[in-house]
Amino acid sequence: MKTTYLAVKNMVCDRCVGVLTKELQKEGFSVVNAKLGEIEIANQIGKEALEQIRNILKINGFELVEDRKQKIVEQIKTLVIELIHRNLEATPLLVNYSDYFSEQLGFDYSYLSMLFSSHEGITIEKYIILQKIERVKELLTYGELTLSEIAYQMDYSSVQHLSNQFKKVTGLTPSEYKQQKDKARRGLDKVGT
C-alpha cells in the first residue's frame, strides 16, 4: 500500500497528534500513523486533497512543511521536544545533542546548527534551553519533585546552574515562579467556593 508522508509544523505534543488525527479522519482521510511533526496518510493524495489537508492544518494551528530544509529544522525541534518533554522516571537527561542529532538526521552537526539558526533566528542550544525551562516550569507547577531532583533529571550540573538559567530566561527564580503559581492557584480555589 502506498502512503503519503507529510511533515507538520507546530505539532509539539501528544494532544496535537490526537487532535490532528481526529480532524483528518473526520474529513475522510485514513491516517496510518501520526507522531510529533509527521503524519502518514493511506494512499497517494492529489493536489485537491493536499489543499484540503492544508486547510485542516491551518484551522487547527498547524502548518504543512514542504521545504526540505524547513523539514530538517522541524525534525530537530521534534527531537528536542521528545527528549526534554518525555516522561521522566528519575533518570537524568544525559544526551550529547550534537551527536544525537547527527545520528538521527544523517547530517553533520555544524550543517544542522547553521540551518537551524538561519531558519529560526536562534541557535539549537538556545532552543534546547528554552524547552528545558518550559519543562522545568511544568515540573515546578506539579510540585512532585524538589528543585534538586528536577536539576538532576534535566541534566543540570547543579541547582545553582538551573536557577541561574531559569532566572535568565524567565526573570524569576524557580522559587519565585512556584510562589506565583501557588498564589494564582489559591486565588482560583477561592473563586470556586
N, C-alpha and C. Protein backbone atom coordinates (compact mmCIF):
# COMPACT_ATOMS: atom_id res chain seq x y z
N MET A 1 0.84 -1.19 0.00
CA MET A 1 0.00 0.00 0.00
C MET A 1 0.88 1.25 0.00
N LYS A 2 0.63 2.14 -0.91
CA LYS A 2 1.36 3.40 -0.96
C LYS A 2 0.74 4.37 0.03
N THR A 3 1.61 5.12 0.67
CA THR A 3 1.13 6.12 1.62
C THR A 3 1.79 7.46 1.33
N THR A 4 1.26 8.50 1.94
CA THR A 4 1.81 9.84 1.81
C THR A 4 2.29 10.30 3.17
N TYR A 5 3.55 10.71 3.24
CA TYR A 5 4.12 11.25 4.47
C TYR A 5 4.09 12.77 4.39
N LEU A 6 3.60 13.40 5.44
CA LEU A 6 3.56 14.85 5.49
C LEU A 6 4.26 15.34 6.75
N ALA A 7 5.13 16.33 6.59
CA ALA A 7 5.77 16.97 7.75
C ALA A 7 4.87 18.11 8.19
N VAL A 8 4.67 18.20 9.51
CA VAL A 8 3.75 19.19 10.05
C VAL A 8 4.45 20.06 11.08
N LYS A 9 4.31 21.36 10.92
CA LYS A 9 4.89 22.33 11.85
C LYS A 9 3.92 22.58 13.00
N ASN A 10 4.47 22.79 14.19
CA ASN A 10 3.74 23.11 15.42
C ASN A 10 3.08 21.92 16.08
N MET A 11 3.39 20.71 15.67
CA MET A 11 2.90 19.50 16.33
C MET A 11 3.86 19.17 17.45
N VAL A 12 3.57 19.65 18.65
CA VAL A 12 4.57 19.59 19.71
C VAL A 12 4.21 18.68 20.88
N CYS A 13 3.05 18.06 20.84
CA CYS A 13 2.67 17.21 21.98
C CYS A 13 1.72 16.11 21.51
N ASP A 14 1.50 15.14 22.38
CA ASP A 14 0.61 14.04 22.03
C ASP A 14 -0.82 14.52 21.78
N ARG A 15 -1.21 15.56 22.48
CA ARG A 15 -2.55 16.13 22.27
C ARG A 15 -2.68 16.66 20.83
N CYS A 16 -1.63 17.31 20.35
CA CYS A 16 -1.61 17.82 18.97
C CYS A 16 -1.80 16.66 17.99
N VAL A 17 -1.09 15.57 18.23
CA VAL A 17 -1.19 14.39 17.37
C VAL A 17 -2.63 13.88 17.35
N GLY A 18 -3.24 13.80 18.53
CA GLY A 18 -4.62 13.31 18.64
C GLY A 18 -5.62 14.21 17.95
N VAL A 19 -5.49 15.51 18.16
CA VAL A 19 -6.40 16.47 17.54
C VAL A 19 -6.32 16.39 16.03
N LEU A 20 -5.10 16.40 15.52
CA LEU A 20 -4.91 16.39 14.07
C LEU A 20 -5.41 15.08 13.46
N THR A 21 -5.12 13.97 14.10
CA THR A 21 -5.59 12.67 13.61
C THR A 21 -7.12 12.67 13.54
N LYS A 22 -7.75 13.12 14.60
CA LYS A 22 -9.22 13.16 14.66
C LYS A 22 -9.81 14.04 13.57
N GLU A 23 -9.23 15.22 13.39
CA GLU A 23 -9.74 16.17 12.39
C GLU A 23 -9.58 15.63 10.96
N LEU A 24 -8.45 15.00 10.70
CA LEU A 24 -8.23 14.43 9.36
C LEU A 24 -9.19 13.26 9.10
N GLN A 25 -9.37 12.41 10.11
CA GLN A 25 -10.28 11.27 9.96
C GLN A 25 -11.71 11.75 9.78
N LYS A 26 -12.07 12.81 10.46
CA LYS A 26 -13.41 13.39 10.34
C LYS A 26 -13.69 13.83 8.90
N GLU A 27 -12.64 14.24 8.21
CA GLU A 27 -12.78 14.69 6.81
C GLU A 27 -12.55 13.56 5.81
N GLY A 28 -12.45 12.33 6.30
CA GLY A 28 -12.37 11.18 5.41
C GLY A 28 -10.97 10.69 5.07
N PHE A 29 -9.95 11.26 5.68
CA PHE A 29 -8.59 10.80 5.42
C PHE A 29 -8.27 9.64 6.35
N SER A 30 -7.61 8.63 5.81
CA SER A 30 -7.22 7.47 6.60
C SER A 30 -5.79 7.66 7.10
N VAL A 31 -5.67 7.98 8.39
CA VAL A 31 -4.36 8.23 9.00
C VAL A 31 -3.76 6.88 9.41
N VAL A 32 -2.66 6.53 8.77
CA VAL A 32 -1.98 5.26 9.05
C VAL A 32 -1.12 5.39 10.30
N ASN A 33 -0.44 6.54 10.43
CA ASN A 33 0.44 6.77 11.56
C ASN A 33 0.55 8.27 11.78
N ALA A 34 0.64 8.65 13.03
CA ALA A 34 0.84 10.07 13.36
C ALA A 34 1.76 10.14 14.56
N LYS A 35 2.74 11.01 14.47
CA LYS A 35 3.66 11.25 15.58
C LYS A 35 4.08 12.70 15.52
N LEU A 36 4.82 13.12 16.52
CA LEU A 36 5.24 14.52 16.55
C LEU A 36 5.88 14.93 15.23
N GLY A 37 5.31 15.95 14.61
CA GLY A 37 5.88 16.51 13.40
C GLY A 37 5.62 15.77 12.11
N GLU A 38 4.85 14.68 12.16
CA GLU A 38 4.66 13.89 10.94
C GLU A 38 3.34 13.11 10.95
N ILE A 39 2.71 13.06 9.78
CA ILE A 39 1.53 12.21 9.62
C ILE A 39 1.71 11.37 8.36
N GLU A 40 1.21 10.16 8.43
CA GLU A 40 1.23 9.27 7.27
C GLU A 40 -0.21 8.96 6.92
N ILE A 41 -0.57 9.24 5.67
CA ILE A 41 -1.94 9.04 5.21
C ILE A 41 -1.95 7.94 4.17
N ALA A 42 -2.96 7.06 4.28
CA ALA A 42 -3.09 5.95 3.33
C ALA A 42 -3.29 6.52 1.93
N ASN A 43 -2.67 5.89 0.97
CA ASN A 43 -2.78 6.25 -0.45
C ASN A 43 -2.01 7.52 -0.79
N GLN A 44 -1.76 7.69 -2.04
CA GLN A 44 -1.17 8.93 -2.54
C GLN A 44 -2.30 9.95 -2.61
N ILE A 45 -1.99 11.19 -2.31
CA ILE A 45 -3.04 12.21 -2.35
C ILE A 45 -2.73 13.22 -3.45
N GLY A 46 -3.78 13.70 -4.06
CA GLY A 46 -3.65 14.66 -5.15
C GLY A 46 -3.62 16.09 -4.63
N LYS A 47 -3.57 17.04 -5.59
CA LYS A 47 -3.48 18.46 -5.25
C LYS A 47 -4.69 18.93 -4.45
N GLU A 48 -5.86 18.48 -4.84
CA GLU A 48 -7.09 18.91 -4.16
C GLU A 48 -7.11 18.41 -2.70
N ALA A 49 -6.76 17.17 -2.51
CA ALA A 49 -6.72 16.61 -1.15
C ALA A 49 -5.64 17.29 -0.32
N LEU A 50 -4.51 17.58 -0.94
CA LEU A 50 -3.42 18.26 -0.24
C LEU A 50 -3.86 19.65 0.22
N GLU A 51 -4.59 20.33 -0.62
CA GLU A 51 -5.10 21.66 -0.26
C GLU A 51 -6.10 21.55 0.90
N GLN A 52 -6.92 20.52 0.87
CA GLN A 52 -7.88 20.29 1.96
C GLN A 52 -7.12 20.03 3.27
N ILE A 53 -6.05 19.25 3.20
CA ILE A 53 -5.24 18.97 4.38
C ILE A 53 -4.59 20.26 4.89
N ARG A 54 -4.09 21.08 3.97
CA ARG A 54 -3.50 22.37 4.36
C ARG A 54 -4.50 23.20 5.17
N ASN A 55 -5.75 23.22 4.69
CA ASN A 55 -6.79 23.99 5.38
C ASN A 55 -7.10 23.42 6.76
N ILE A 56 -7.17 22.09 6.87
CA ILE A 56 -7.41 21.44 8.16
C ILE A 56 -6.28 21.79 9.13
N LEU A 57 -5.06 21.73 8.63
CA LEU A 57 -3.91 22.07 9.47
C LEU A 57 -3.99 23.52 9.94
N LYS A 58 -4.26 24.41 9.01
CA LYS A 58 -4.31 25.85 9.33
C LYS A 58 -5.37 26.15 10.37
N ILE A 59 -6.55 25.59 10.21
CA ILE A 59 -7.65 25.81 11.15
C ILE A 59 -7.27 25.37 12.56
N ASN A 60 -6.44 24.34 12.65
CA ASN A 60 -6.07 23.79 13.94
C ASN A 60 -4.71 24.28 14.46
N GLY A 61 -4.15 25.30 13.80
CA GLY A 61 -2.90 25.90 14.29
C GLY A 61 -1.63 25.20 13.84
N PHE A 62 -1.74 24.37 12.80
CA PHE A 62 -0.57 23.65 12.28
C PHE A 62 -0.27 24.16 10.88
N GLU A 63 0.85 23.69 10.35
CA GLU A 63 1.27 24.11 9.02
C GLU A 63 1.95 22.95 8.32
N LEU A 64 1.71 22.82 7.05
CA LEU A 64 2.38 21.80 6.26
C LEU A 64 3.78 22.31 5.92
N VAL A 65 4.77 21.47 6.13
CA VAL A 65 6.15 21.84 5.83
C VAL A 65 6.53 21.16 4.52
N GLU A 66 6.81 21.98 3.52
CA GLU A 66 7.11 21.41 2.21
C GLU A 66 8.55 21.64 1.78
N ASP A 67 9.21 22.63 2.35
CA ASP A 67 10.60 22.92 2.04
C ASP A 67 11.50 21.90 2.73
N ARG A 68 12.42 21.31 2.01
CA ARG A 68 13.29 20.26 2.55
C ARG A 68 14.10 20.74 3.75
N LYS A 69 14.64 21.94 3.67
CA LYS A 69 15.43 22.46 4.78
C LYS A 69 14.55 22.73 5.99
N GLN A 70 13.35 23.25 5.75
CA GLN A 70 12.44 23.51 6.87
C GLN A 70 12.02 22.19 7.53
N LYS A 71 11.91 21.13 6.74
CA LYS A 71 11.59 19.81 7.30
C LYS A 71 12.67 19.37 8.28
N ILE A 72 13.92 19.61 7.92
CA ILE A 72 15.03 19.23 8.80
C ILE A 72 14.96 20.03 10.10
N VAL A 73 14.66 21.33 9.99
CA VAL A 73 14.53 22.18 11.17
C VAL A 73 13.41 21.65 12.07
N GLU A 74 12.29 21.28 11.48
CA GLU A 74 11.17 20.74 12.26
C GLU A 74 11.54 19.41 12.91
N GLN A 75 12.35 18.62 12.21
CA GLN A 75 12.80 17.35 12.80
C GLN A 75 13.69 17.60 14.01
N ILE A 76 14.54 18.61 13.93
CA ILE A 76 15.38 18.97 15.08
C ILE A 76 14.50 19.36 16.26
N LYS A 77 13.51 20.22 16.01
CA LYS A 77 12.60 20.65 17.08
C LYS A 77 11.89 19.45 17.69
N THR A 78 11.44 18.55 16.85
CA THR A 78 10.73 17.36 17.34
C THR A 78 11.64 16.52 18.21
N LEU A 79 12.89 16.32 17.79
CA LEU A 79 13.83 15.54 18.59
C LEU A 79 14.07 16.20 19.95
N VAL A 80 14.22 17.51 19.97
CA VAL A 80 14.43 18.23 21.23
C VAL A 80 13.22 18.04 22.14
N ILE A 81 12.04 18.24 21.59
CA ILE A 81 10.81 18.13 22.40
C ILE A 81 10.64 16.71 22.92
N GLU A 82 10.89 15.72 22.07
CA GLU A 82 10.76 14.33 22.52
C GLU A 82 11.72 14.02 23.66
N LEU A 83 12.94 14.54 23.57
CA LEU A 83 13.93 14.28 24.62
C LEU A 83 13.59 15.00 25.93
N ILE A 84 13.23 16.24 25.83
CA ILE A 84 13.06 17.06 27.03
C ILE A 84 11.70 16.85 27.69
N HIS A 85 10.69 16.68 26.91
CA HIS A 85 9.34 16.58 27.47
C HIS A 85 8.88 15.14 27.65
N ARG A 86 9.81 14.23 27.57
CA ARG A 86 9.47 12.83 27.78
C ARG A 86 9.08 12.63 29.23
N ASN A 87 8.48 11.51 29.54
CA ASN A 87 8.16 11.21 30.93
C ASN A 87 9.45 10.88 31.65
N LEU A 88 9.74 11.67 32.64
CA LEU A 88 10.97 11.46 33.40
C LEU A 88 10.70 10.47 34.52
N GLU A 89 11.53 9.48 34.61
CA GLU A 89 11.37 8.47 35.66
C GLU A 89 12.65 8.38 36.47
N ALA A 90 12.98 9.46 37.11
CA ALA A 90 14.16 9.53 37.98
C ALA A 90 15.47 9.23 37.25
N THR A 91 15.45 9.35 35.94
CA THR A 91 16.70 9.18 35.18
C THR A 91 17.08 10.53 34.59
N PRO A 92 18.31 10.89 34.66
CA PRO A 92 18.71 12.19 34.13
C PRO A 92 18.70 12.21 32.61
N LEU A 93 18.60 13.40 32.09
CA LEU A 93 18.59 13.62 30.66
C LEU A 93 20.04 13.72 30.19
N LEU A 94 20.67 12.56 29.96
CA LEU A 94 22.08 12.52 29.58
C LEU A 94 22.22 12.29 28.08
N VAL A 95 22.34 13.37 27.33
CA VAL A 95 22.42 13.25 25.88
C VAL A 95 23.45 14.25 25.35
N ASN A 96 24.28 13.80 24.45
CA ASN A 96 25.12 14.71 23.69
C ASN A 96 24.28 15.08 22.47
N TYR A 97 23.68 16.26 22.53
CA TYR A 97 22.73 16.66 21.49
C TYR A 97 23.34 16.66 20.10
N SER A 98 24.55 17.17 19.96
CA SER A 98 25.14 17.26 18.62
C SER A 98 25.30 15.87 18.00
N ASP A 99 25.80 14.93 18.76
CA ASP A 99 25.94 13.56 18.25
C ASP A 99 24.57 12.94 17.96
N TYR A 100 23.65 13.16 18.86
CA TYR A 100 22.30 12.58 18.72
C TYR A 100 21.61 13.10 17.45
N PHE A 101 21.65 14.42 17.24
CA PHE A 101 21.01 14.99 16.05
C PHE A 101 21.67 14.50 14.77
N SER A 102 23.00 14.46 14.78
CA SER A 102 23.72 13.98 13.60
C SER A 102 23.35 12.53 13.28
N GLU A 103 23.31 11.72 14.32
CA GLU A 103 22.98 10.30 14.15
C GLU A 103 21.53 10.12 13.66
N GLN A 104 20.60 10.84 14.26
CA GLN A 104 19.19 10.70 13.92
C GLN A 104 18.85 11.24 12.53
N LEU A 105 19.51 12.33 12.14
CA LEU A 105 19.14 13.01 10.89
C LEU A 105 20.11 12.76 9.74
N GLY A 106 21.27 12.19 10.05
CA GLY A 106 22.21 11.85 8.99
C GLY A 106 22.96 13.03 8.39
N PHE A 107 23.10 14.10 9.16
CA PHE A 107 23.84 15.28 8.70
C PHE A 107 24.88 15.66 9.75
N ASP A 108 25.94 16.33 9.31
CA ASP A 108 26.94 16.87 10.21
C ASP A 108 26.30 17.93 11.10
N TYR A 109 26.68 17.95 12.38
CA TYR A 109 26.05 18.88 13.32
C TYR A 109 26.27 20.34 12.92
N SER A 110 27.41 20.67 12.37
CA SER A 110 27.66 22.07 12.00
C SER A 110 26.66 22.53 10.93
N TYR A 111 26.31 21.65 10.00
CA TYR A 111 25.29 21.96 8.98
C TYR A 111 23.93 22.15 9.65
N LEU A 112 23.57 21.22 10.55
CA LEU A 112 22.28 21.30 11.24
C LEU A 112 22.18 22.59 12.06
N SER A 113 23.26 22.93 12.74
CA SER A 113 23.29 24.12 13.57
C SER A 113 23.10 25.39 12.73
N MET A 114 23.84 25.47 11.63
CA MET A 114 23.74 26.63 10.75
C MET A 114 22.33 26.73 10.14
N LEU A 115 21.80 25.61 9.70
CA LEU A 115 20.47 25.58 9.10
C LEU A 115 19.41 26.03 10.11
N PHE A 116 19.47 25.49 11.32
CA PHE A 116 18.50 25.83 12.36
C PHE A 116 18.56 27.33 12.67
N SER A 117 19.76 27.83 12.87
CA SER A 117 19.93 29.26 13.20
C SER A 117 19.41 30.16 12.09
N SER A 118 19.66 29.80 10.86
CA SER A 118 19.22 30.65 9.75
C SER A 118 17.70 30.63 9.60
N HIS A 119 17.06 29.52 9.93
CA HIS A 119 15.59 29.41 9.81
C HIS A 119 14.86 29.95 11.04
N GLU A 120 15.44 29.77 12.22
CA GLU A 120 14.72 30.11 13.46
C GLU A 120 15.19 31.40 14.13
N GLY A 121 16.36 31.87 13.75
CA GLY A 121 16.86 33.11 14.36
C GLY A 121 17.46 32.91 15.74
N ILE A 122 17.55 31.67 16.19
CA ILE A 122 18.23 31.34 17.45
C ILE A 122 19.02 30.06 17.23
N THR A 123 19.97 29.82 18.10
CA THR A 123 20.77 28.60 17.97
C THR A 123 19.99 27.39 18.49
N ILE A 124 20.44 26.21 18.11
CA ILE A 124 19.85 24.99 18.65
C ILE A 124 20.03 24.97 20.16
N GLU A 125 21.17 25.40 20.64
CA GLU A 125 21.44 25.40 22.07
C GLU A 125 20.44 26.27 22.81
N LYS A 126 20.15 27.45 22.27
CA LYS A 126 19.17 28.35 22.90
C LYS A 126 17.77 27.71 22.87
N TYR A 127 17.43 27.07 21.77
CA TYR A 127 16.13 26.38 21.69
C TYR A 127 16.04 25.28 22.75
N ILE A 128 17.12 24.54 22.92
CA ILE A 128 17.15 23.48 23.94
C ILE A 128 16.95 24.08 25.32
N ILE A 129 17.63 25.17 25.61
CA ILE A 129 17.49 25.83 26.91
C ILE A 129 16.04 26.27 27.12
N LEU A 130 15.44 26.88 26.11
CA LEU A 130 14.05 27.33 26.24
C LEU A 130 13.10 26.16 26.51
N GLN A 131 13.32 25.04 25.82
CA GLN A 131 12.48 23.87 26.04
C GLN A 131 12.71 23.27 27.43
N LYS A 132 13.97 23.27 27.88
CA LYS A 132 14.27 22.75 29.22
C LYS A 132 13.59 23.61 30.28
N ILE A 133 13.63 24.92 30.10
CA ILE A 133 12.99 25.81 31.08
C ILE A 133 11.48 25.61 31.07
N GLU A 134 10.88 25.40 29.91
CA GLU A 134 9.43 25.12 29.86
C GLU A 134 9.11 23.84 30.62
N ARG A 135 9.96 22.84 30.47
CA ARG A 135 9.75 21.58 31.20
C ARG A 135 9.94 21.77 32.70
N VAL A 136 10.93 22.57 33.08
CA VAL A 136 11.14 22.86 34.49
C VAL A 136 9.91 23.57 35.07
N LYS A 137 9.34 24.51 34.32
CA LYS A 137 8.12 25.20 34.77
C LYS A 137 7.01 24.19 35.04
N GLU A 138 6.83 23.25 34.11
CA GLU A 138 5.80 22.22 34.31
C GLU A 138 6.06 21.44 35.59
N LEU A 139 7.30 20.99 35.76
CA LEU A 139 7.65 20.18 36.92
C LEU A 139 7.49 20.97 38.22
N LEU A 140 7.81 22.25 38.20
CA LEU A 140 7.62 23.09 39.38
C LEU A 140 6.14 23.23 39.69
N THR A 141 5.33 23.39 38.67
CA THR A 141 3.89 23.54 38.85
C THR A 141 3.27 22.29 39.44
N TYR A 142 3.73 21.12 38.99
CA TYR A 142 3.20 19.86 39.53
C TYR A 142 3.54 19.71 41.00
N GLY A 143 4.69 20.23 41.41
CA GLY A 143 5.10 20.19 42.80
C GLY A 143 5.47 18.81 43.33
N GLU A 144 5.71 17.85 42.47
CA GLU A 144 6.01 16.50 42.91
C GLU A 144 7.50 16.26 43.16
N LEU A 145 8.35 17.11 42.60
CA LEU A 145 9.80 16.94 42.71
C LEU A 145 10.43 18.15 43.36
N THR A 146 11.52 17.93 44.05
CA THR A 146 12.29 19.05 44.60
C THR A 146 13.09 19.68 43.46
N LEU A 147 13.58 20.87 43.70
CA LEU A 147 14.41 21.54 42.70
C LEU A 147 15.67 20.74 42.42
N SER A 148 16.19 20.10 43.44
CA SER A 148 17.38 19.27 43.28
C SER A 148 17.08 18.07 42.36
N GLU A 149 15.93 17.44 42.54
CA GLU A 149 15.54 16.31 41.68
C GLU A 149 15.30 16.77 40.24
N ILE A 150 14.70 17.94 40.10
CA ILE A 150 14.47 18.49 38.75
C ILE A 150 15.80 18.77 38.07
N ALA A 151 16.72 19.40 38.79
CA ALA A 151 18.05 19.71 38.23
C ALA A 151 18.73 18.42 37.78
N TYR A 152 18.66 17.39 38.59
CA TYR A 152 19.27 16.10 38.26
C TYR A 152 18.65 15.51 37.00
N GLN A 153 17.32 15.46 36.97
CA GLN A 153 16.63 14.85 35.83
C GLN A 153 16.83 15.63 34.53
N MET A 154 16.96 16.93 34.63
CA MET A 154 17.12 17.76 33.43
C MET A 154 18.59 17.96 33.08
N ASP A 155 19.48 17.22 33.75
CA ASP A 155 20.92 17.21 33.47
C ASP A 155 21.59 18.56 33.66
N TYR A 156 21.20 19.28 34.71
CA TYR A 156 21.92 20.48 35.10
C TYR A 156 23.03 20.06 36.04
N SER A 157 24.15 20.75 35.98
CA SER A 157 25.30 20.38 36.82
C SER A 157 25.02 20.65 38.30
N SER A 158 24.10 21.58 38.58
CA SER A 158 23.76 21.90 39.96
C SER A 158 22.42 22.63 40.00
N VAL A 159 21.87 22.75 41.19
CA VAL A 159 20.64 23.53 41.38
C VAL A 159 20.93 24.99 41.03
N GLN A 160 22.13 25.46 41.38
CA GLN A 160 22.51 26.84 41.09
C GLN A 160 22.52 27.10 39.57
N HIS A 161 23.05 26.17 38.81
CA HIS A 161 23.07 26.30 37.35
C HIS A 161 21.65 26.39 36.81
N LEU A 162 20.77 25.51 37.26
CA LEU A 162 19.37 25.54 36.86
C LEU A 162 18.73 26.88 37.25
N SER A 163 18.94 27.30 38.49
CA SER A 163 18.34 28.55 38.97
C SER A 163 18.81 29.75 38.16
N ASN A 164 20.11 29.79 37.86
CA ASN A 164 20.65 30.90 37.07
C ASN A 164 20.05 30.93 35.67
N GLN A 165 19.98 29.78 35.03
CA GLN A 165 19.43 29.72 33.68
C GLN A 165 17.93 30.04 33.69
N PHE A 166 17.23 29.55 34.69
CA PHE A 166 15.79 29.81 34.83
C PHE A 166 15.55 31.31 34.96
N LYS A 167 16.32 31.96 35.83
CA LYS A 167 16.15 33.40 36.05
C LYS A 167 16.50 34.19 34.79
N LYS A 168 17.53 33.76 34.09
CA LYS A 168 17.95 34.44 32.86
C LYS A 168 16.83 34.40 31.81
N VAL A 169 16.12 33.27 31.73
CA VAL A 169 15.08 33.11 30.72
C VAL A 169 13.75 33.73 31.16
N THR A 170 13.37 33.53 32.43
CA THR A 170 12.03 33.95 32.88
C THR A 170 12.01 35.27 33.65
N GLY A 171 13.18 35.67 34.18
CA GLY A 171 13.21 36.86 35.02
C GLY A 171 12.88 36.57 36.47
N LEU A 172 12.59 35.31 36.78
CA LEU A 172 12.24 34.89 38.14
C LEU A 172 13.13 33.73 38.56
N THR A 173 13.31 33.59 39.86
CA THR A 173 13.97 32.38 40.35
C THR A 173 12.92 31.27 40.33
N PRO A 174 13.34 30.01 40.37
CA PRO A 174 12.35 28.93 40.43
C PRO A 174 11.40 29.07 41.62
N SER A 175 11.91 29.51 42.77
CA SER A 175 11.07 29.69 43.96
C SER A 175 10.04 30.78 43.73
N GLU A 176 10.46 31.89 43.14
CA GLU A 176 9.51 32.98 42.85
C GLU A 176 8.43 32.51 41.87
N TYR A 177 8.85 31.76 40.87
CA TYR A 177 7.90 31.23 39.89
C TYR A 177 6.88 30.33 40.57
N LYS A 178 7.35 29.42 41.41
CA LYS A 178 6.46 28.49 42.11
C LYS A 178 5.52 29.24 43.03
N GLN A 179 6.01 30.26 43.73
CA GLN A 179 5.15 31.06 44.61
C GLN A 179 4.05 31.75 43.81
N GLN A 180 4.39 32.30 42.66
CA GLN A 180 3.39 32.96 41.80
C GLN A 180 2.32 31.97 41.38
N LYS A 181 2.74 30.78 40.95
CA LYS A 181 1.79 29.75 40.52
C LYS A 181 0.90 29.31 41.68
N ASP A 182 1.50 29.11 42.85
CA ASP A 182 0.74 28.69 44.03
C ASP A 182 -0.27 29.76 44.42
N LYS A 183 0.14 31.02 44.39
CA LYS A 183 -0.74 32.14 44.73
C LYS A 183 -1.91 32.22 43.74
N ALA A 184 -1.62 32.05 42.45
CA ALA A 184 -2.67 32.08 41.43
C ALA A 184 -3.65 30.92 41.63
N ARG A 185 -3.12 29.75 41.97
CA ARG A 185 -3.96 28.58 42.18
C ARG A 185 -4.87 28.78 43.39
N ARG A 186 -4.32 29.35 44.47
CA ARG A 186 -5.13 29.61 45.67
C ARG A 186 -6.24 30.60 45.35
N GLY A 187 -5.93 31.58 44.51
CA GLY A 187 -6.94 32.55 44.10
C GLY A 187 -8.07 31.90 43.32
N LEU A 188 -7.72 30.93 42.47
CA LEU A 188 -8.75 30.21 41.71
C LEU A 188 -9.58 29.34 42.63
N ASP A 189 -8.94 28.74 43.65
CA ASP A 189 -9.68 27.91 44.60
C ASP A 189 -10.72 28.72 45.34
N LYS A 190 -10.41 29.96 45.69
CA LYS A 190 -11.35 30.84 46.39
C LYS A 190 -12.54 31.20 45.52
N VAL A 191 -12.30 31.37 44.22
CA VAL A 191 -13.36 31.72 43.28
C VAL A 191 -14.37 30.58 43.19
N GLY A 192 -13.90 29.36 43.25
CA GLY A 192 -14.77 28.18 43.11
C GLY A 192 -15.61 27.90 44.34
N THR A 193 -15.34 28.54 45.47
CA THR A 193 -16.11 28.24 46.68
C THR A 193 -17.20 29.23 46.94
